[in-house]
Amino acid sequence: MRLLLNWVLSALAVWVVAQVVPGVHVNGAVAALIAALAIGFINATIGALLKIITFPLTLITLGLFWFVINALMLKLASAVVPGFQVHGFIAAFIGAIVLSLVNLLLKAIVMPSKDQR
């Protein structure tokens, strides 16, 4: 049940990003759900591998390079999901930051940690 809720909240975050960030578009709820699934899968596989490989660069940039990797993963997800488009790297970069923040906020509201309960 928690996994399903996490997926729906991620899809809602994708929809919010599409409403806020110019250059990011999603065509309906189904596209947002598929995009959330694709983003999660890409981040868990290719994104994790890239983060391991680029760890020295991430250390040098004090973690800021992870935003670049997240933007690339968002752009990759838009290439494989019909109905989800990200136009340009700047839109992907801003979209990745906003997506992370919105996802964090939604999960903090809906699924509080065990310490807060």
N, C-alpha and C. Protein backbone atom coordinates (compact mmCIF):
# COMPACT_ATOMS: atom_id res chain seq x y z
N MET A 1 0.83 -1.20 0.00
CA MET A 1 0.00 0.00 0.00
C MET A 1 0.87 1.26 0.00
N ARG A 2 1.94 1.21 0.78
CA ARG A 2 2.83 2.36 0.88
C ARG A 2 3.53 2.64 -0.46
N LEU A 3 3.87 1.59 -1.19
CA LEU A 3 4.50 1.73 -2.50
C LEU A 3 3.55 2.39 -3.49
N LEU A 4 2.29 1.99 -3.46
CA LEU A 4 1.28 2.59 -4.33
C LEU A 4 1.08 4.07 -4.01
N LEU A 5 1.03 4.40 -2.73
CA LEU A 5 0.90 5.79 -2.31
C LEU A 5 2.11 6.60 -2.74
N ASN A 6 3.28 6.03 -2.62
CA ASN A 6 4.52 6.69 -3.05
C ASN A 6 4.48 6.98 -4.55
N TRP A 7 3.98 6.04 -5.34
CA TRP A 7 3.89 6.19 -6.78
C TRP A 7 2.90 7.30 -7.15
N VAL A 8 1.76 7.33 -6.50
CA VAL A 8 0.75 8.36 -6.77
C VAL A 8 1.27 9.74 -6.38
N LEU A 9 1.97 9.83 -5.25
CA LEU A 9 2.54 11.12 -4.84
C LEU A 9 3.62 11.57 -5.82
N SER A 10 4.40 10.66 -6.34
CA SER A 10 5.41 11.01 -7.33
C SER A 10 4.76 11.50 -8.62
N ALA A 11 3.66 10.85 -9.02
CA ALA A 11 2.93 11.30 -10.21
C ALA A 11 2.33 12.69 -9.99
N LEU A 12 1.83 12.94 -8.80
CA LEU A 12 1.31 14.27 -8.47
C LEU A 12 2.43 15.31 -8.53
N ALA A 13 3.60 14.94 -8.06
CA ALA A 13 4.76 15.84 -8.12
C ALA A 13 5.15 16.12 -9.57
N VAL A 14 5.09 15.12 -10.43
CA VAL A 14 5.38 15.32 -11.86
C VAL A 14 4.38 16.30 -12.45
N TRP A 15 3.11 16.13 -12.10
CA TRP A 15 2.07 17.04 -12.60
C TRP A 15 2.31 18.48 -12.11
N VAL A 16 2.68 18.64 -10.85
CA VAL A 16 2.96 19.97 -10.31
C VAL A 16 4.14 20.60 -11.05
N VAL A 17 5.18 19.83 -11.31
CA VAL A 17 6.34 20.34 -12.05
C VAL A 17 5.91 20.80 -13.44
N ALA A 18 5.02 20.04 -14.09
CA ALA A 18 4.54 20.42 -15.41
C ALA A 18 3.74 21.72 -15.37
N GLN A 19 3.10 21.99 -14.25
CA GLN A 19 2.34 23.23 -14.12
C GLN A 19 3.22 24.43 -13.78
N VAL A 20 4.34 24.19 -13.13
CA VAL A 20 5.17 25.28 -12.61
C VAL A 20 6.35 25.61 -13.52
N VAL A 21 6.99 24.61 -14.07
CA VAL A 21 8.23 24.81 -14.82
C VAL A 21 7.91 24.93 -16.31
N PRO A 22 8.26 26.06 -16.92
CA PRO A 22 8.07 26.16 -18.37
C PRO A 22 9.02 25.22 -19.09
N GLY A 23 8.50 24.52 -20.10
CA GLY A 23 9.30 23.57 -20.84
C GLY A 23 9.07 22.13 -20.42
N VAL A 24 8.29 21.92 -19.36
CA VAL A 24 7.93 20.57 -18.93
C VAL A 24 6.42 20.42 -19.13
N HIS A 25 6.04 19.39 -19.89
CA HIS A 25 4.62 19.18 -20.20
C HIS A 25 4.25 17.73 -19.96
N VAL A 26 3.06 17.53 -19.43
CA VAL A 26 2.53 16.18 -19.23
C VAL A 26 1.09 16.18 -19.73
N ASN A 27 0.74 15.16 -20.51
CA ASN A 27 -0.59 15.07 -21.10
C ASN A 27 -1.48 14.12 -20.30
N GLY A 28 -2.01 14.57 -19.19
CA GLY A 28 -2.96 13.78 -18.43
C GLY A 28 -2.37 12.98 -17.29
N ALA A 29 -3.28 12.38 -16.54
CA ALA A 29 -2.90 11.65 -15.33
C ALA A 29 -2.17 10.35 -15.65
N VAL A 30 -2.57 9.68 -16.72
CA VAL A 30 -1.91 8.43 -17.08
C VAL A 30 -0.45 8.68 -17.46
N ALA A 31 -0.22 9.74 -18.22
CA ALA A 31 1.15 10.08 -18.59
C ALA A 31 1.97 10.45 -17.36
N ALA A 32 1.36 11.13 -16.39
CA ALA A 32 2.06 11.48 -15.15
C ALA A 32 2.41 10.23 -14.35
N LEU A 33 1.48 9.27 -14.29
CA LEU A 33 1.75 8.01 -13.58
C LEU A 33 2.88 7.22 -14.25
N ILE A 34 2.83 7.15 -15.58
CA ILE A 34 3.88 6.42 -16.31
C ILE A 34 5.21 7.15 -16.17
N ALA A 35 5.19 8.49 -16.23
CA ALA A 35 6.42 9.27 -16.09
C ALA A 35 7.02 9.07 -14.70
N ALA A 36 6.19 9.05 -13.67
CA ALA A 36 6.69 8.83 -12.31
C ALA A 36 7.32 7.45 -12.18
N LEU A 37 6.71 6.46 -12.80
CA LEU A 37 7.26 5.10 -12.79
C LEU A 37 8.60 5.05 -13.54
N ALA A 38 8.64 5.71 -14.70
CA ALA A 38 9.87 5.71 -15.50
C ALA A 38 10.99 6.47 -14.80
N ILE A 39 10.67 7.60 -14.20
CA ILE A 39 11.68 8.38 -13.49
C ILE A 39 12.25 7.57 -12.33
N GLY A 40 11.38 6.91 -11.59
CA GLY A 40 11.85 6.07 -10.48
C GLY A 40 12.72 4.93 -10.96
N PHE A 41 12.32 4.27 -12.03
CA PHE A 41 13.10 3.14 -12.56
C PHE A 41 14.44 3.61 -13.10
N ILE A 42 14.44 4.70 -13.85
CA ILE A 42 15.69 5.23 -14.43
C ILE A 42 16.63 5.70 -13.32
N ASN A 43 16.10 6.38 -12.32
CA ASN A 43 16.95 6.82 -11.20
C ASN A 43 17.51 5.65 -10.41
N ALA A 44 16.74 4.58 -10.28
CA ALA A 44 17.20 3.43 -9.52
C ALA A 44 18.25 2.61 -10.26
N THR A 45 18.27 2.68 -11.57
CA THR A 45 19.22 1.89 -12.35
C THR A 45 20.34 2.76 -12.91
N ILE A 46 20.06 3.46 -13.97
CA ILE A 46 21.09 4.27 -14.64
C ILE A 46 21.56 5.41 -13.74
N GLY A 47 20.63 6.06 -13.05
CA GLY A 47 20.99 7.17 -12.17
C GLY A 47 21.92 6.75 -11.05
N ALA A 48 21.63 5.61 -10.46
CA ALA A 48 22.50 5.12 -9.38
C ALA A 48 23.90 4.81 -9.90
N LEU A 49 23.98 4.20 -11.07
CA LEU A 49 25.28 3.90 -11.67
C LEU A 49 26.06 5.18 -11.98
N LEU A 50 25.36 6.17 -12.55
CA LEU A 50 26.03 7.44 -12.85
C LEU A 50 26.49 8.16 -11.59
N LYS A 51 25.70 8.08 -10.53
CA LYS A 51 26.09 8.73 -9.28
C LYS A 51 27.33 8.08 -8.67
N ILE A 52 27.45 6.77 -8.84
CA ILE A 52 28.65 6.08 -8.34
C ILE A 52 29.87 6.46 -9.17
N ILE A 53 29.70 6.45 -10.49
CA ILE A 53 30.82 6.76 -11.38
C ILE A 53 31.30 8.20 -11.22
N THR A 54 30.37 9.13 -11.04
CA THR A 54 30.73 10.55 -10.96
C THR A 54 30.90 11.04 -9.53
N PHE A 55 31.06 10.13 -8.59
CA PHE A 55 31.19 10.53 -7.20
C PHE A 55 32.36 11.50 -6.94
N PRO A 56 33.54 11.29 -7.54
CA PRO A 56 34.62 12.27 -7.33
C PRO A 56 34.25 13.68 -7.80
N LEU A 57 33.58 13.76 -8.95
CA LEU A 57 33.14 15.07 -9.44
C LEU A 57 32.09 15.68 -8.52
N THR A 58 31.24 14.83 -7.97
CA THR A 58 30.23 15.30 -7.03
C THR A 58 30.88 15.84 -5.76
N LEU A 59 31.94 15.19 -5.30
CA LEU A 59 32.66 15.69 -4.13
C LEU A 59 33.30 17.05 -4.41
N ILE A 60 33.90 17.18 -5.57
CA ILE A 60 34.56 18.45 -5.92
C ILE A 60 33.55 19.59 -6.00
N THR A 61 32.36 19.31 -6.53
CA THR A 61 31.33 20.34 -6.66
C THR A 61 30.42 20.44 -5.44
N LEU A 62 30.79 19.75 -4.37
CA LEU A 62 30.03 19.76 -3.11
C LEU A 62 28.58 19.28 -3.30
N GLY A 63 28.41 18.29 -4.16
CA GLY A 63 27.10 17.69 -4.37
C GLY A 63 26.26 18.32 -5.44
N LEU A 64 26.69 19.42 -6.00
CA LEU A 64 25.88 20.11 -7.00
C LEU A 64 25.78 19.35 -8.32
N PHE A 65 26.73 18.48 -8.60
CA PHE A 65 26.69 17.72 -9.86
C PHE A 65 25.53 16.73 -9.87
N TRP A 66 25.03 16.33 -8.69
CA TRP A 66 23.87 15.44 -8.66
C TRP A 66 22.66 16.08 -9.30
N PHE A 67 22.54 17.41 -9.25
CA PHE A 67 21.44 18.08 -9.93
C PHE A 67 21.54 17.88 -11.44
N VAL A 68 22.76 17.88 -11.95
CA VAL A 68 22.96 17.65 -13.39
C VAL A 68 22.56 16.22 -13.74
N ILE A 69 22.94 15.27 -12.91
CA ILE A 69 22.57 13.87 -13.16
C ILE A 69 21.05 13.71 -13.10
N ASN A 70 20.41 14.32 -12.12
CA ASN A 70 18.95 14.24 -12.02
C ASN A 70 18.27 14.89 -13.22
N ALA A 71 18.83 15.98 -13.72
CA ALA A 71 18.28 16.62 -14.92
C ALA A 71 18.40 15.69 -16.12
N LEU A 72 19.54 15.03 -16.26
CA LEU A 72 19.72 14.08 -17.36
C LEU A 72 18.75 12.91 -17.26
N MET A 73 18.49 12.45 -16.05
CA MET A 73 17.55 11.34 -15.87
C MET A 73 16.12 11.78 -16.20
N LEU A 74 15.77 13.01 -15.87
CA LEU A 74 14.45 13.54 -16.21
C LEU A 74 14.31 13.67 -17.72
N LYS A 75 15.36 14.13 -18.37
CA LYS A 75 15.37 14.26 -19.83
C LYS A 75 15.26 12.88 -20.48
N LEU A 76 15.95 11.89 -19.94
CA LEU A 76 15.88 10.53 -20.46
C LEU A 76 14.47 9.96 -20.30
N ALA A 77 13.85 10.21 -19.17
CA ALA A 77 12.49 9.73 -18.95
C ALA A 77 11.52 10.36 -19.95
N SER A 78 11.74 11.62 -20.28
CA SER A 78 10.86 12.27 -21.26
C SER A 78 11.05 11.69 -22.65
N ALA A 79 12.21 11.11 -22.91
CA ALA A 79 12.45 10.50 -24.22
C ALA A 79 11.74 9.16 -24.37
N VAL A 80 11.47 8.47 -23.26
CA VAL A 80 10.87 7.14 -23.35
C VAL A 80 9.39 7.11 -22.98
N VAL A 81 8.85 8.17 -22.40
CA VAL A 81 7.45 8.18 -21.97
C VAL A 81 6.64 9.06 -22.92
N PRO A 82 5.70 8.47 -23.65
CA PRO A 82 4.84 9.30 -24.50
C PRO A 82 3.91 10.16 -23.63
N GLY A 83 3.73 11.40 -24.02
CA GLY A 83 2.88 12.31 -23.26
C GLY A 83 3.61 13.07 -22.18
N PHE A 84 4.91 12.87 -22.05
CA PHE A 84 5.73 13.59 -21.08
C PHE A 84 6.91 14.17 -21.83
N GLN A 85 6.98 15.51 -21.89
CA GLN A 85 8.04 16.17 -22.64
C GLN A 85 8.79 17.16 -21.75
N VAL A 86 10.10 17.16 -21.92
CA VAL A 86 10.96 18.15 -21.29
C VAL A 86 11.76 18.79 -22.41
N HIS A 87 11.56 20.08 -22.61
CA HIS A 87 12.20 20.80 -23.71
C HIS A 87 13.43 21.56 -23.20
N GLY A 88 14.60 21.01 -23.45
CA GLY A 88 15.84 21.69 -23.11
C GLY A 88 16.42 21.27 -21.77
N PHE A 89 17.73 21.48 -21.66
CA PHE A 89 18.41 21.07 -20.44
C PHE A 89 18.06 21.98 -19.26
N ILE A 90 17.88 23.27 -19.51
CA ILE A 90 17.54 24.20 -18.41
C ILE A 90 16.20 23.81 -17.80
N ALA A 91 15.22 23.47 -18.64
CA ALA A 91 13.92 23.03 -18.12
C ALA A 91 14.08 21.74 -17.32
N ALA A 92 14.93 20.84 -17.81
CA ALA A 92 15.17 19.58 -17.08
C ALA A 92 15.87 19.85 -15.75
N PHE A 93 16.82 20.77 -15.75
CA PHE A 93 17.56 21.10 -14.53
C PHE A 93 16.64 21.70 -13.48
N ILE A 94 15.87 22.70 -13.88
CA ILE A 94 14.93 23.34 -12.95
C ILE A 94 13.83 22.35 -12.55
N GLY A 95 13.37 21.56 -13.52
CA GLY A 95 12.34 20.56 -13.24
C GLY A 95 12.80 19.51 -12.24
N ALA A 96 14.05 19.09 -12.34
CA ALA A 96 14.58 18.10 -11.40
C ALA A 96 14.64 18.66 -9.99
N ILE A 97 15.04 19.92 -9.87
CA ILE A 97 15.09 20.54 -8.54
C ILE A 97 13.68 20.69 -7.96
N VAL A 98 12.76 21.20 -8.76
CA VAL A 98 11.39 21.39 -8.29
C VAL A 98 10.74 20.04 -7.99
N LEU A 99 11.00 19.03 -8.83
CA LEU A 99 10.45 17.70 -8.60
C LEU A 99 10.92 17.14 -7.26
N SER A 100 12.18 17.31 -6.96
CA SER A 100 12.71 16.82 -5.68
C SER A 100 12.04 17.53 -4.51
N LEU A 101 11.92 18.84 -4.61
CA LEU A 101 11.32 19.61 -3.52
C LEU A 101 9.84 19.29 -3.32
N VAL A 102 9.09 19.21 -4.43
CA VAL A 102 7.66 18.90 -4.34
C VAL A 102 7.45 17.49 -3.81
N ASN A 103 8.26 16.55 -4.29
CA ASN A 103 8.17 15.17 -3.80
C ASN A 103 8.44 15.10 -2.30
N LEU A 104 9.47 15.80 -1.86
CA LEU A 104 9.81 15.85 -0.44
C LEU A 104 8.66 16.44 0.38
N LEU A 105 8.09 17.53 -0.10
CA LEU A 105 6.99 18.20 0.60
C LEU A 105 5.75 17.32 0.66
N LEU A 106 5.37 16.71 -0.47
CA LEU A 106 4.18 15.87 -0.48
C LEU A 106 4.33 14.66 0.44
N LYS A 107 5.50 14.05 0.43
CA LYS A 107 5.71 12.88 1.28
C LYS A 107 5.77 13.27 2.75
N ALA A 108 6.27 14.46 3.05
CA ALA A 108 6.29 14.92 4.44
C ALA A 108 4.87 15.19 4.95
N ILE A 109 4.00 15.64 4.06
CA ILE A 109 2.62 15.93 4.46
C ILE A 109 1.81 14.65 4.59
N VAL A 110 1.90 13.77 3.60
CA VAL A 110 1.04 12.59 3.56
C VAL A 110 1.60 11.42 4.37
N MET A 111 2.91 11.23 4.31
CA MET A 111 3.53 10.10 4.99
C MET A 111 4.57 10.62 6.00
N PRO A 112 4.11 11.11 7.16
CA PRO A 112 5.07 11.62 8.14
C PRO A 112 5.97 10.50 8.66
N SER A 113 7.16 10.88 9.09
CA SER A 113 8.09 9.88 9.60
C SER A 113 7.58 9.31 10.93
N LYS A 114 8.17 8.21 11.35
CA LYS A 114 7.74 7.55 12.58
C LYS A 114 7.99 8.43 13.81
N ASP A 115 8.97 9.33 13.70
CA ASP A 115 9.25 10.22 14.83
C ASP A 115 8.14 11.23 15.04
N GLN A 116 7.44 11.63 13.97
CA GLN A 116 6.41 12.65 14.07
C GLN A 116 5.07 12.06 14.48
N ARG A 117 4.90 10.76 14.41
CA ARG A 117 3.61 10.15 14.77
C ARG A 117 3.45 9.95 16.22
